[in-house]
N, C-alpha and C. Protein backbone atom coordinates (compact mmCIF):
# COMPACT_ATOMS: atom_id res chain seq x y z
N MET A 1 13.17 31.90 -33.12
CA MET A 1 12.15 31.22 -32.32
C MET A 1 10.86 31.13 -33.13
N LYS A 2 10.18 29.99 -33.01
CA LYS A 2 8.94 29.82 -33.74
C LYS A 2 7.86 30.75 -33.20
N HIS A 3 6.95 31.13 -34.10
CA HIS A 3 5.85 32.01 -33.71
C HIS A 3 4.95 31.29 -32.72
N LEU A 4 4.62 31.98 -31.62
CA LEU A 4 3.73 31.43 -30.62
C LEU A 4 2.37 32.09 -30.72
N SER A 5 1.32 31.30 -30.51
CA SER A 5 -0.03 31.84 -30.55
C SER A 5 -0.26 32.79 -29.37
N TRP A 6 -1.28 33.64 -29.51
CA TRP A 6 -1.65 34.54 -28.42
C TRP A 6 -1.96 33.75 -27.17
N GLN A 7 -2.69 32.64 -27.30
CA GLN A 7 -3.06 31.83 -26.15
C GLN A 7 -1.81 31.28 -25.46
N LYS A 8 -0.83 30.84 -26.27
CA LYS A 8 0.39 30.28 -25.70
C LYS A 8 1.18 31.35 -24.97
N ARG A 9 1.28 32.54 -25.55
CA ARG A 9 2.01 33.62 -24.90
C ARG A 9 1.36 33.99 -23.57
N CYS A 10 0.02 33.99 -23.53
CA CYS A 10 -0.69 34.29 -22.28
C CYS A 10 -0.40 33.23 -21.23
N SER A 11 -0.37 31.95 -21.66
CA SER A 11 -0.09 30.86 -20.73
C SER A 11 1.30 31.01 -20.14
N ASP A 12 2.29 31.34 -20.99
CA ASP A 12 3.66 31.53 -20.51
C ASP A 12 3.71 32.67 -19.50
N SER A 13 2.98 33.74 -19.78
CA SER A 13 2.93 34.88 -18.87
C SER A 13 2.36 34.47 -17.53
N MET A 14 1.34 33.62 -17.54
CA MET A 14 0.75 33.14 -16.29
C MET A 14 1.78 32.38 -15.46
N TRP A 15 2.54 31.48 -16.12
CA TRP A 15 3.54 30.69 -15.40
C TRP A 15 4.65 31.59 -14.85
N ASN A 16 5.03 32.62 -15.59
CA ASN A 16 6.01 33.56 -15.08
C ASN A 16 5.50 34.27 -13.83
N GLU A 17 4.24 34.64 -13.84
CA GLU A 17 3.66 35.38 -12.72
C GLU A 17 3.54 34.52 -11.46
N ILE A 18 3.30 33.22 -11.61
CA ILE A 18 3.09 32.37 -10.43
C ILE A 18 4.33 31.56 -10.06
N ALA A 19 5.45 31.80 -10.71
CA ALA A 19 6.64 30.95 -10.52
C ALA A 19 7.06 30.85 -9.06
N GLU A 20 7.12 31.97 -8.36
CA GLU A 20 7.55 31.94 -6.95
C GLU A 20 6.54 31.18 -6.08
N LYS A 21 5.25 31.38 -6.35
CA LYS A 21 4.23 30.64 -5.61
C LYS A 21 4.34 29.14 -5.90
N TYR A 22 4.64 28.82 -7.16
CA TYR A 22 4.75 27.41 -7.53
C TYR A 22 5.97 26.78 -6.86
N LEU A 23 7.04 27.54 -6.71
CA LEU A 23 8.21 27.04 -5.99
C LEU A 23 7.84 26.71 -4.55
N THR A 24 7.12 27.60 -3.89
CA THR A 24 6.67 27.34 -2.52
C THR A 24 5.79 26.11 -2.45
N TRP A 25 4.85 25.99 -3.40
CA TRP A 25 3.96 24.82 -3.47
C TRP A 25 4.78 23.55 -3.65
N SER A 26 5.79 23.58 -4.51
CA SER A 26 6.63 22.41 -4.75
C SER A 26 7.42 22.02 -3.52
N GLU A 27 7.86 23.02 -2.76
CA GLU A 27 8.59 22.72 -1.52
C GLU A 27 7.68 22.08 -0.50
N ILE A 28 6.46 22.59 -0.37
CA ILE A 28 5.49 22.01 0.56
C ILE A 28 5.17 20.56 0.18
N ASN A 29 5.12 20.30 -1.13
CA ASN A 29 4.76 18.97 -1.63
C ASN A 29 5.98 18.20 -2.15
N ARG A 30 7.15 18.54 -1.62
CA ARG A 30 8.37 17.85 -2.04
C ARG A 30 8.26 16.35 -1.79
N TRP A 31 7.52 15.93 -0.78
CA TRP A 31 7.33 14.50 -0.49
C TRP A 31 6.83 13.75 -1.74
N TYR A 32 5.95 14.40 -2.52
CA TYR A 32 5.41 13.74 -3.70
C TYR A 32 6.51 13.49 -4.73
N TYR A 33 7.32 14.49 -4.99
CA TYR A 33 8.42 14.35 -5.94
C TYR A 33 9.41 13.28 -5.47
N ARG A 34 9.62 13.21 -4.15
CA ARG A 34 10.52 12.21 -3.59
C ARG A 34 9.99 10.80 -3.83
N ILE A 35 8.70 10.61 -3.61
CA ILE A 35 8.09 9.29 -3.82
C ILE A 35 8.14 8.90 -5.30
N PHE A 36 7.84 9.87 -6.18
CA PHE A 36 7.89 9.60 -7.62
C PHE A 36 9.32 9.27 -8.04
N ALA A 37 10.29 10.01 -7.52
CA ALA A 37 11.69 9.73 -7.83
C ALA A 37 12.09 8.33 -7.38
N ASN A 38 11.63 7.93 -6.21
CA ASN A 38 11.94 6.57 -5.73
C ASN A 38 11.31 5.51 -6.62
N GLU A 39 10.12 5.78 -7.13
CA GLU A 39 9.48 4.84 -8.05
C GLU A 39 10.27 4.75 -9.35
N ILE A 40 10.71 5.87 -9.86
CA ILE A 40 11.53 5.88 -11.08
C ILE A 40 12.80 5.05 -10.88
N SER A 41 13.38 5.14 -9.69
CA SER A 41 14.65 4.45 -9.42
C SER A 41 14.53 2.93 -9.51
N LYS A 42 13.31 2.41 -9.47
CA LYS A 42 13.11 0.96 -9.63
C LYS A 42 13.34 0.51 -11.08
N PHE A 43 13.30 1.47 -12.00
CA PHE A 43 13.36 1.14 -13.42
C PHE A 43 14.53 1.77 -14.16
N ALA A 44 15.22 2.71 -13.55
CA ALA A 44 16.25 3.47 -14.27
C ALA A 44 17.47 3.71 -13.40
N ARG A 45 18.62 3.79 -14.07
CA ARG A 45 19.88 4.19 -13.44
C ARG A 45 20.55 5.20 -14.38
N PRO A 46 19.98 6.40 -14.50
CA PRO A 46 20.45 7.34 -15.53
C PRO A 46 21.74 8.05 -15.15
N GLU A 47 22.47 8.43 -16.19
CA GLU A 47 23.63 9.31 -16.02
C GLU A 47 23.30 10.73 -16.44
N ILE A 48 22.38 10.87 -17.39
CA ILE A 48 21.93 12.19 -17.83
C ILE A 48 20.43 12.13 -18.08
N MET A 49 19.69 13.09 -17.56
CA MET A 49 18.23 13.07 -17.67
C MET A 49 17.72 14.44 -18.09
N LEU A 50 16.52 14.42 -18.68
CA LEU A 50 15.82 15.64 -19.09
C LEU A 50 14.48 15.69 -18.38
N ASP A 51 14.21 16.81 -17.70
CA ASP A 51 12.90 17.04 -17.09
C ASP A 51 12.19 18.09 -17.93
N ILE A 52 11.16 17.66 -18.66
CA ILE A 52 10.41 18.52 -19.57
C ILE A 52 9.33 19.28 -18.80
N CYS A 53 9.24 20.59 -19.06
CA CYS A 53 8.33 21.46 -18.30
C CYS A 53 8.64 21.32 -16.81
N SER A 54 9.89 21.56 -16.47
CA SER A 54 10.44 21.22 -15.16
C SER A 54 9.95 22.10 -14.03
N GLY A 55 9.32 23.25 -14.38
CA GLY A 55 8.95 24.17 -13.31
C GLY A 55 10.20 24.60 -12.55
N PRO A 56 10.14 24.66 -11.21
CA PRO A 56 11.30 25.11 -10.45
C PRO A 56 12.38 24.05 -10.26
N GLY A 57 12.17 22.85 -10.82
CA GLY A 57 13.23 21.85 -10.83
C GLY A 57 13.24 20.89 -9.65
N THR A 58 12.12 20.76 -8.96
CA THR A 58 12.08 19.97 -7.73
C THR A 58 12.28 18.48 -7.99
N LEU A 59 11.69 17.95 -9.06
CA LEU A 59 11.85 16.52 -9.35
C LEU A 59 13.31 16.19 -9.62
N GLY A 60 13.98 17.00 -10.41
CA GLY A 60 15.39 16.77 -10.71
C GLY A 60 16.24 16.78 -9.45
N GLU A 61 15.93 17.68 -8.52
CA GLU A 61 16.66 17.72 -7.25
C GLU A 61 16.50 16.42 -6.48
N GLU A 62 15.29 15.88 -6.47
CA GLU A 62 15.06 14.63 -5.76
C GLU A 62 15.75 13.45 -6.44
N LEU A 63 15.77 13.45 -7.77
CA LEU A 63 16.46 12.37 -8.49
C LEU A 63 17.97 12.44 -8.27
N LYS A 64 18.51 13.64 -8.14
CA LYS A 64 19.94 13.78 -7.89
C LYS A 64 20.34 13.23 -6.52
N LYS A 65 19.39 13.17 -5.60
CA LYS A 65 19.66 12.58 -4.29
C LYS A 65 19.80 11.07 -4.37
N ILE A 66 19.21 10.48 -5.42
CA ILE A 66 19.24 9.02 -5.59
C ILE A 66 20.36 8.60 -6.51
N PHE A 67 20.52 9.32 -7.62
CA PHE A 67 21.50 8.98 -8.65
C PHE A 67 22.58 10.06 -8.72
N ASN A 68 23.73 9.67 -9.20
CA ASN A 68 24.74 10.66 -9.59
C ASN A 68 24.43 11.03 -11.04
N VAL A 69 23.40 11.86 -11.20
CA VAL A 69 22.84 12.12 -12.52
C VAL A 69 22.97 13.60 -12.88
N GLN A 70 23.29 13.86 -14.14
CA GLN A 70 23.26 15.22 -14.67
C GLN A 70 21.83 15.54 -15.07
N VAL A 71 21.26 16.56 -14.47
CA VAL A 71 19.87 16.94 -14.73
C VAL A 71 19.82 18.13 -15.66
N VAL A 72 19.07 18.00 -16.74
CA VAL A 72 18.80 19.11 -17.64
C VAL A 72 17.31 19.46 -17.50
N ASN A 73 17.04 20.67 -17.03
CA ASN A 73 15.67 21.16 -16.91
C ASN A 73 15.34 22.03 -18.12
N ILE A 74 14.13 21.88 -18.63
CA ILE A 74 13.68 22.73 -19.73
C ILE A 74 12.24 23.17 -19.47
N ASP A 75 11.96 24.44 -19.75
CA ASP A 75 10.64 24.99 -19.52
C ASP A 75 10.46 26.18 -20.46
N LEU A 76 9.20 26.50 -20.77
CA LEU A 76 8.91 27.62 -21.65
C LEU A 76 8.69 28.92 -20.86
N SER A 77 8.75 28.82 -19.54
CA SER A 77 8.63 29.99 -18.68
C SER A 77 10.02 30.46 -18.26
N ILE A 78 10.34 31.70 -18.57
CA ILE A 78 11.66 32.22 -18.24
C ILE A 78 11.87 32.28 -16.73
N GLU A 79 10.80 32.54 -15.98
CA GLU A 79 10.93 32.61 -14.52
C GLU A 79 11.14 31.22 -13.92
N MET A 80 10.48 30.21 -14.46
CA MET A 80 10.72 28.84 -14.00
C MET A 80 12.17 28.43 -14.30
N CYS A 81 12.66 28.81 -15.46
CA CYS A 81 14.05 28.51 -15.82
C CYS A 81 15.03 29.20 -14.88
N ARG A 82 14.70 30.41 -14.47
CA ARG A 82 15.56 31.11 -13.51
C ARG A 82 15.64 30.33 -12.20
N LEU A 83 14.51 29.80 -11.75
CA LEU A 83 14.48 29.05 -10.50
C LEU A 83 15.20 27.71 -10.60
N SER A 84 15.05 27.05 -11.74
CA SER A 84 15.63 25.71 -11.91
C SER A 84 17.03 25.73 -12.51
N LYS A 85 17.48 26.94 -12.92
CA LYS A 85 18.73 27.07 -13.68
C LYS A 85 18.66 26.20 -14.95
N GLY A 86 17.48 26.23 -15.57
CA GLY A 86 17.22 25.39 -16.73
C GLY A 86 17.34 26.13 -18.05
N ILE A 87 16.97 25.41 -19.10
CA ILE A 87 17.02 25.91 -20.47
C ILE A 87 15.63 26.37 -20.88
N LEU A 88 15.55 27.52 -21.51
CA LEU A 88 14.29 28.01 -22.05
C LEU A 88 14.03 27.29 -23.37
N GLY A 89 12.93 26.54 -23.44
CA GLY A 89 12.66 25.78 -24.65
C GLY A 89 11.29 25.16 -24.65
N ASP A 90 10.89 24.69 -25.81
CA ASP A 90 9.54 24.19 -26.07
C ASP A 90 9.52 22.67 -26.06
N ALA A 91 8.63 22.08 -25.28
CA ALA A 91 8.48 20.63 -25.21
C ALA A 91 8.08 20.03 -26.56
N MET A 92 7.46 20.83 -27.42
CA MET A 92 7.01 20.34 -28.71
C MET A 92 8.12 20.34 -29.76
N SER A 93 9.21 20.99 -29.45
CA SER A 93 10.34 21.06 -30.38
C SER A 93 11.62 21.18 -29.56
N LEU A 94 12.01 20.08 -28.96
CA LEU A 94 13.13 20.09 -28.03
C LEU A 94 14.44 20.40 -28.75
N PRO A 95 15.27 21.28 -28.18
CA PRO A 95 16.50 21.70 -28.84
C PRO A 95 17.67 20.75 -28.59
N PHE A 96 17.42 19.44 -28.79
CA PHE A 96 18.45 18.43 -28.54
C PHE A 96 18.49 17.44 -29.70
N LYS A 97 19.65 16.82 -29.88
CA LYS A 97 19.80 15.77 -30.87
C LYS A 97 19.06 14.51 -30.43
N ASN A 98 18.94 13.57 -31.33
CA ASN A 98 18.27 12.31 -31.02
C ASN A 98 19.07 11.47 -30.03
N GLU A 99 18.35 10.78 -29.17
CA GLU A 99 18.88 9.72 -28.31
C GLU A 99 20.10 10.15 -27.50
N ILE A 100 19.89 11.16 -26.63
CA ILE A 100 21.01 11.59 -25.80
C ILE A 100 20.74 11.49 -24.29
N PHE A 101 19.47 11.24 -23.90
CA PHE A 101 19.14 11.16 -22.47
C PHE A 101 18.81 9.72 -22.06
N ASP A 102 19.23 9.34 -20.86
CA ASP A 102 18.91 8.02 -20.29
C ASP A 102 17.52 8.01 -19.66
N LEU A 103 17.07 9.19 -19.24
CA LEU A 103 15.78 9.32 -18.57
C LEU A 103 15.14 10.63 -19.00
N VAL A 104 13.85 10.57 -19.35
CA VAL A 104 13.07 11.77 -19.66
C VAL A 104 11.83 11.75 -18.78
N THR A 105 11.56 12.85 -18.10
CA THR A 105 10.40 12.93 -17.21
C THR A 105 9.47 14.05 -17.63
N LEU A 106 8.18 13.81 -17.43
CA LEU A 106 7.15 14.82 -17.59
C LEU A 106 6.26 14.74 -16.35
N CYS A 107 6.47 15.65 -15.44
CA CYS A 107 5.76 15.61 -14.16
C CYS A 107 4.73 16.73 -14.13
N PHE A 108 3.46 16.36 -14.22
CA PHE A 108 2.35 17.30 -14.32
C PHE A 108 2.56 18.30 -15.45
N ALA A 109 3.03 17.75 -16.56
CA ALA A 109 3.29 18.55 -17.76
C ALA A 109 2.39 18.16 -18.91
N LEU A 110 2.05 16.87 -19.02
CA LEU A 110 1.39 16.37 -20.22
C LEU A 110 0.04 17.05 -20.46
N HIS A 111 -0.69 17.36 -19.40
CA HIS A 111 -2.00 17.99 -19.58
C HIS A 111 -1.89 19.39 -20.19
N GLU A 112 -0.70 19.99 -20.11
CA GLU A 112 -0.47 21.32 -20.69
C GLU A 112 -0.04 21.25 -22.15
N LEU A 113 0.19 20.04 -22.67
CA LEU A 113 0.82 19.86 -23.98
C LEU A 113 -0.09 19.10 -24.94
N GLU A 114 0.30 19.11 -26.22
CA GLU A 114 -0.32 18.21 -27.19
C GLU A 114 0.31 16.84 -26.97
N VAL A 115 -0.48 15.91 -26.49
CA VAL A 115 0.05 14.65 -25.96
C VAL A 115 0.90 13.90 -26.99
N GLU A 116 0.38 13.74 -28.20
CA GLU A 116 1.11 12.97 -29.21
C GLU A 116 2.48 13.59 -29.51
N ARG A 117 2.48 14.90 -29.73
CA ARG A 117 3.74 15.58 -30.08
C ARG A 117 4.72 15.55 -28.92
N ALA A 118 4.22 15.74 -27.72
CA ALA A 118 5.10 15.77 -26.55
C ALA A 118 5.76 14.41 -26.32
N ILE A 119 4.98 13.34 -26.45
CA ILE A 119 5.54 12.00 -26.25
C ILE A 119 6.49 11.64 -27.38
N LYS A 120 6.16 12.05 -28.60
CA LYS A 120 7.04 11.79 -29.75
C LYS A 120 8.40 12.47 -29.53
N GLU A 121 8.39 13.73 -29.10
CA GLU A 121 9.63 14.46 -28.86
C GLU A 121 10.41 13.85 -27.69
N ALA A 122 9.71 13.48 -26.64
CA ALA A 122 10.38 12.85 -25.50
C ALA A 122 11.05 11.55 -25.93
N GLY A 123 10.35 10.76 -26.75
CA GLY A 123 10.92 9.51 -27.25
C GLY A 123 12.09 9.73 -28.18
N ARG A 124 12.04 10.82 -28.94
CA ARG A 124 13.12 11.11 -29.89
C ARG A 124 14.45 11.34 -29.18
N VAL A 125 14.42 12.07 -28.07
CA VAL A 125 15.68 12.41 -27.39
C VAL A 125 16.11 11.36 -26.37
N LEU A 126 15.29 10.33 -26.21
CA LEU A 126 15.59 9.25 -25.26
C LEU A 126 16.44 8.18 -25.92
N LYS A 127 17.50 7.75 -25.24
CA LYS A 127 18.34 6.68 -25.76
C LYS A 127 17.58 5.36 -25.78
N LYS A 128 17.98 4.45 -26.66
CA LYS A 128 17.43 3.10 -26.63
C LYS A 128 17.79 2.46 -25.29
N GLY A 129 16.80 1.82 -24.68
CA GLY A 129 17.00 1.28 -23.35
C GLY A 129 16.74 2.28 -22.24
N GLY A 130 16.51 3.55 -22.63
CA GLY A 130 16.24 4.60 -21.66
C GLY A 130 14.81 4.54 -21.16
N THR A 131 14.53 5.35 -20.15
CA THR A 131 13.24 5.33 -19.45
C THR A 131 12.53 6.67 -19.59
N ILE A 132 11.23 6.60 -19.83
CA ILE A 132 10.38 7.79 -19.77
C ILE A 132 9.44 7.61 -18.59
N ALA A 133 9.30 8.66 -17.79
CA ALA A 133 8.44 8.60 -16.60
C ALA A 133 7.48 9.79 -16.63
N ILE A 134 6.19 9.49 -16.54
CA ILE A 134 5.14 10.51 -16.63
C ILE A 134 4.29 10.46 -15.37
N ALA A 135 4.07 11.61 -14.78
CA ALA A 135 3.10 11.76 -13.69
C ALA A 135 2.14 12.88 -14.09
N ASP A 136 0.84 12.66 -13.89
CA ASP A 136 -0.10 13.72 -14.24
C ASP A 136 -1.45 13.47 -13.57
N LEU A 137 -2.36 14.37 -13.82
CA LEU A 137 -3.71 14.28 -13.30
C LEU A 137 -4.46 13.16 -13.99
N ASN A 138 -5.22 12.39 -13.22
CA ASN A 138 -6.00 11.29 -13.79
C ASN A 138 -7.25 11.86 -14.47
N PRO A 139 -7.35 11.74 -15.78
CA PRO A 139 -8.51 12.33 -16.48
C PRO A 139 -9.83 11.65 -16.13
N ALA A 140 -9.77 10.45 -15.54
CA ALA A 140 -11.00 9.73 -15.19
C ALA A 140 -11.63 10.25 -13.90
N VAL A 141 -10.95 11.11 -13.18
CA VAL A 141 -11.51 11.67 -11.95
C VAL A 141 -12.77 12.47 -12.28
N PRO A 142 -13.87 12.25 -11.57
CA PRO A 142 -15.12 12.95 -11.91
C PRO A 142 -15.08 14.43 -11.56
N ASP A 143 -15.97 15.19 -12.19
CA ASP A 143 -16.01 16.64 -12.01
C ASP A 143 -16.26 17.04 -10.55
N TYR A 144 -16.97 16.20 -9.78
CA TYR A 144 -17.26 16.59 -8.40
C TYR A 144 -15.99 16.60 -7.54
N LEU A 145 -14.90 16.05 -8.07
CA LEU A 145 -13.60 16.18 -7.41
C LEU A 145 -12.71 17.21 -8.13
N LYS A 146 -12.79 17.23 -9.46
CA LYS A 146 -11.98 18.19 -10.21
C LYS A 146 -12.32 19.63 -9.84
N ILE A 147 -13.60 19.95 -9.75
CA ILE A 147 -14.03 21.33 -9.55
C ILE A 147 -13.59 21.88 -8.19
N PRO A 148 -13.83 21.16 -7.07
CA PRO A 148 -13.36 21.73 -5.79
C PRO A 148 -11.84 21.81 -5.68
N LEU A 149 -11.13 20.87 -6.29
CA LEU A 149 -9.67 20.94 -6.26
C LEU A 149 -9.19 22.17 -7.02
N SER A 150 -9.80 22.42 -8.18
CA SER A 150 -9.44 23.61 -8.96
C SER A 150 -9.75 24.88 -8.18
N ALA A 151 -10.89 24.88 -7.47
CA ALA A 151 -11.26 26.05 -6.66
C ALA A 151 -10.25 26.27 -5.54
N PHE A 152 -9.79 25.20 -4.92
CA PHE A 152 -8.77 25.29 -3.87
C PHE A 152 -7.49 25.91 -4.42
N LEU A 153 -7.07 25.45 -5.59
CA LEU A 153 -5.84 25.97 -6.20
C LEU A 153 -6.01 27.42 -6.67
N SER A 154 -7.24 27.82 -6.95
CA SER A 154 -7.51 29.20 -7.34
C SER A 154 -7.11 30.16 -6.21
N ALA A 155 -7.34 29.73 -4.98
CA ALA A 155 -7.00 30.57 -3.83
C ALA A 155 -5.49 30.74 -3.69
N ILE A 156 -4.72 29.78 -4.23
CA ILE A 156 -3.26 29.82 -4.12
C ILE A 156 -2.63 30.51 -5.32
N PHE A 157 -3.05 30.11 -6.52
CA PHE A 157 -2.39 30.56 -7.74
C PHE A 157 -3.20 31.56 -8.56
N GLY A 158 -4.47 31.74 -8.22
CA GLY A 158 -5.30 32.69 -8.95
C GLY A 158 -6.30 32.01 -9.87
N VAL A 159 -7.28 32.79 -10.31
CA VAL A 159 -8.38 32.27 -11.11
C VAL A 159 -7.91 31.77 -12.47
N GLU A 160 -6.99 32.50 -13.12
CA GLU A 160 -6.53 32.10 -14.45
C GLU A 160 -5.90 30.71 -14.42
N TYR A 161 -5.06 30.46 -13.42
CA TYR A 161 -4.43 29.14 -13.29
C TYR A 161 -5.49 28.07 -13.09
N ALA A 162 -6.44 28.31 -12.18
CA ALA A 162 -7.45 27.30 -11.86
C ALA A 162 -8.33 26.98 -13.06
N GLU A 163 -8.74 28.01 -13.79
CA GLU A 163 -9.57 27.78 -14.98
C GLU A 163 -8.80 27.03 -16.05
N ASN A 164 -7.54 27.39 -16.23
CA ASN A 164 -6.68 26.70 -17.20
C ASN A 164 -6.52 25.23 -16.82
N LEU A 165 -6.28 24.97 -15.54
CA LEU A 165 -6.11 23.60 -15.07
C LEU A 165 -7.35 22.76 -15.29
N LEU A 166 -8.50 23.29 -14.90
CA LEU A 166 -9.75 22.53 -15.02
C LEU A 166 -10.05 22.21 -16.48
N LYS A 167 -9.87 23.18 -17.36
CA LYS A 167 -10.12 22.96 -18.79
C LYS A 167 -9.21 21.87 -19.34
N LYS A 168 -7.94 21.95 -19.03
CA LYS A 168 -6.98 21.00 -19.60
C LYS A 168 -7.09 19.63 -18.94
N TRP A 169 -7.45 19.59 -17.68
CA TRP A 169 -7.70 18.30 -17.01
C TRP A 169 -8.87 17.59 -17.67
N ARG A 170 -9.93 18.33 -17.93
CA ARG A 170 -11.11 17.75 -18.58
C ARG A 170 -10.80 17.25 -19.99
N ASN A 171 -9.88 17.95 -20.68
CA ASN A 171 -9.57 17.62 -22.08
C ASN A 171 -8.44 16.61 -22.25
N LEU A 172 -7.79 16.24 -21.16
CA LEU A 172 -6.67 15.31 -21.25
C LEU A 172 -7.13 13.95 -21.74
N LYS A 173 -6.36 13.34 -22.61
CA LYS A 173 -6.69 12.01 -23.12
C LYS A 173 -6.73 11.01 -21.97
N SER A 174 -7.47 9.92 -22.18
CA SER A 174 -7.57 8.89 -21.15
C SER A 174 -6.22 8.21 -20.95
N ILE A 175 -6.07 7.55 -19.83
CA ILE A 175 -4.82 6.84 -19.54
C ILE A 175 -4.58 5.75 -20.58
N ASP A 176 -5.63 5.05 -20.99
CA ASP A 176 -5.48 4.02 -22.02
C ASP A 176 -5.00 4.63 -23.34
N GLU A 177 -5.55 5.80 -23.70
CA GLU A 177 -5.10 6.47 -24.93
C GLU A 177 -3.64 6.90 -24.83
N ILE A 178 -3.26 7.40 -23.67
CA ILE A 178 -1.87 7.82 -23.47
C ILE A 178 -0.94 6.61 -23.54
N ARG A 179 -1.34 5.50 -22.95
CA ARG A 179 -0.54 4.28 -23.03
C ARG A 179 -0.36 3.83 -24.48
N CYS A 180 -1.43 3.91 -25.27
CA CYS A 180 -1.35 3.51 -26.68
C CYS A 180 -0.40 4.41 -27.46
N ILE A 181 -0.44 5.71 -27.18
CA ILE A 181 0.47 6.64 -27.84
C ILE A 181 1.92 6.31 -27.48
N ILE A 182 2.16 6.05 -26.22
CA ILE A 182 3.51 5.70 -25.76
C ILE A 182 4.00 4.44 -26.48
N GLU A 183 3.16 3.42 -26.52
CA GLU A 183 3.55 2.16 -27.18
C GLU A 183 3.76 2.37 -28.68
N GLY A 184 2.98 3.26 -29.28
CA GLY A 184 3.11 3.55 -30.69
C GLY A 184 4.42 4.23 -31.05
N GLU A 185 5.08 4.80 -30.05
CA GLU A 185 6.39 5.44 -30.27
C GLU A 185 7.55 4.49 -29.97
N GLY A 186 7.25 3.19 -29.87
CA GLY A 186 8.31 2.21 -29.67
C GLY A 186 8.77 2.09 -28.23
N LEU A 187 7.88 2.38 -27.31
CA LEU A 187 8.19 2.29 -25.88
C LEU A 187 7.38 1.17 -25.25
N LYS A 188 7.98 0.46 -24.34
CA LYS A 188 7.31 -0.64 -23.65
C LYS A 188 6.92 -0.19 -22.25
N ILE A 189 5.62 -0.30 -21.95
CA ILE A 189 5.13 0.10 -20.63
C ILE A 189 5.67 -0.85 -19.57
N GLU A 190 6.30 -0.29 -18.55
CA GLU A 190 6.83 -1.08 -17.44
C GLU A 190 5.92 -1.03 -16.22
N SER A 191 5.23 0.11 -16.04
CA SER A 191 4.41 0.28 -14.84
C SER A 191 3.37 1.35 -15.07
N THR A 192 2.16 1.12 -14.55
CA THR A 192 1.10 2.13 -14.55
C THR A 192 0.45 2.13 -13.17
N VAL A 193 0.35 3.31 -12.58
CA VAL A 193 -0.29 3.48 -11.28
C VAL A 193 -1.37 4.55 -11.44
N THR A 194 -2.57 4.28 -10.93
CA THR A 194 -3.67 5.25 -11.05
C THR A 194 -4.29 5.54 -9.69
N ARG A 195 -4.47 6.83 -9.42
CA ARG A 195 -5.18 7.32 -8.23
C ARG A 195 -5.88 8.60 -8.68
N LEU A 196 -5.85 9.66 -7.88
CA LEU A 196 -6.28 10.97 -8.38
C LEU A 196 -5.31 11.46 -9.45
N ASP A 197 -4.08 10.98 -9.35
CA ASP A 197 -3.08 11.20 -10.38
C ASP A 197 -2.81 9.87 -11.09
N PHE A 198 -1.87 9.86 -12.03
CA PHE A 198 -1.41 8.59 -12.59
C PHE A 198 0.07 8.69 -12.88
N TRP A 199 0.73 7.54 -12.84
CA TRP A 199 2.14 7.41 -13.21
C TRP A 199 2.24 6.36 -14.30
N ILE A 200 3.01 6.66 -15.33
CA ILE A 200 3.36 5.67 -16.35
C ILE A 200 4.88 5.71 -16.52
N ILE A 201 5.48 4.53 -16.44
CA ILE A 201 6.92 4.40 -16.68
C ILE A 201 7.12 3.42 -17.80
N ALA A 202 7.94 3.79 -18.79
CA ALA A 202 8.13 2.95 -19.97
C ALA A 202 9.59 2.98 -20.40
N LYS A 203 9.99 1.95 -21.15
CA LYS A 203 11.35 1.83 -21.68
C LYS A 203 11.32 1.94 -23.20
N LYS A 204 12.36 2.55 -23.75
CA LYS A 204 12.51 2.61 -25.21
C LYS A 204 13.20 1.34 -25.68
N ILE A 205 12.53 0.62 -26.57
CA ILE A 205 13.06 -0.68 -27.02
C ILE A 205 13.63 -0.58 -28.43
């Protein structure tokens, strides 16, 4: 296994500690994953998919209700993998060969990652004609909304999670920059939706 920085090890420890709470949160907000899965279904008919930084695996469960799809979950948190029955692995260095998945998803994962490397790796394992679907926090949201939302989540997941979220939300690249990175990896943007969150769906050409 590659050497992980102290900061990265601490982050993984945080996710392990809040895994059960995050599962409860995902169940309460399962409606969101269902809506995102339905949006993905407008663009993809996958047989095998990869959910990067899958957490407890809620998005994959919702996609399986729509498609007869084999779901592979991957996360760097051992506790999240236990919940999702997923693979322990790094989004920056995916343990898969090139072009084997019909669909790759990153649901509230990109803000935790190095955007360029994460999208490059996602594109590498995606088949030609396959779909990548990203949902995340909208970096254009002003601080007067980011700060109270982070404070609300602090009460649920703890101060470390909330501070980590706020910092990474503030540092996330703009949606236009993310779109350019996606296109630079040979992907064609099919759809972009922006609210407090954003969705980008693209095809590998």
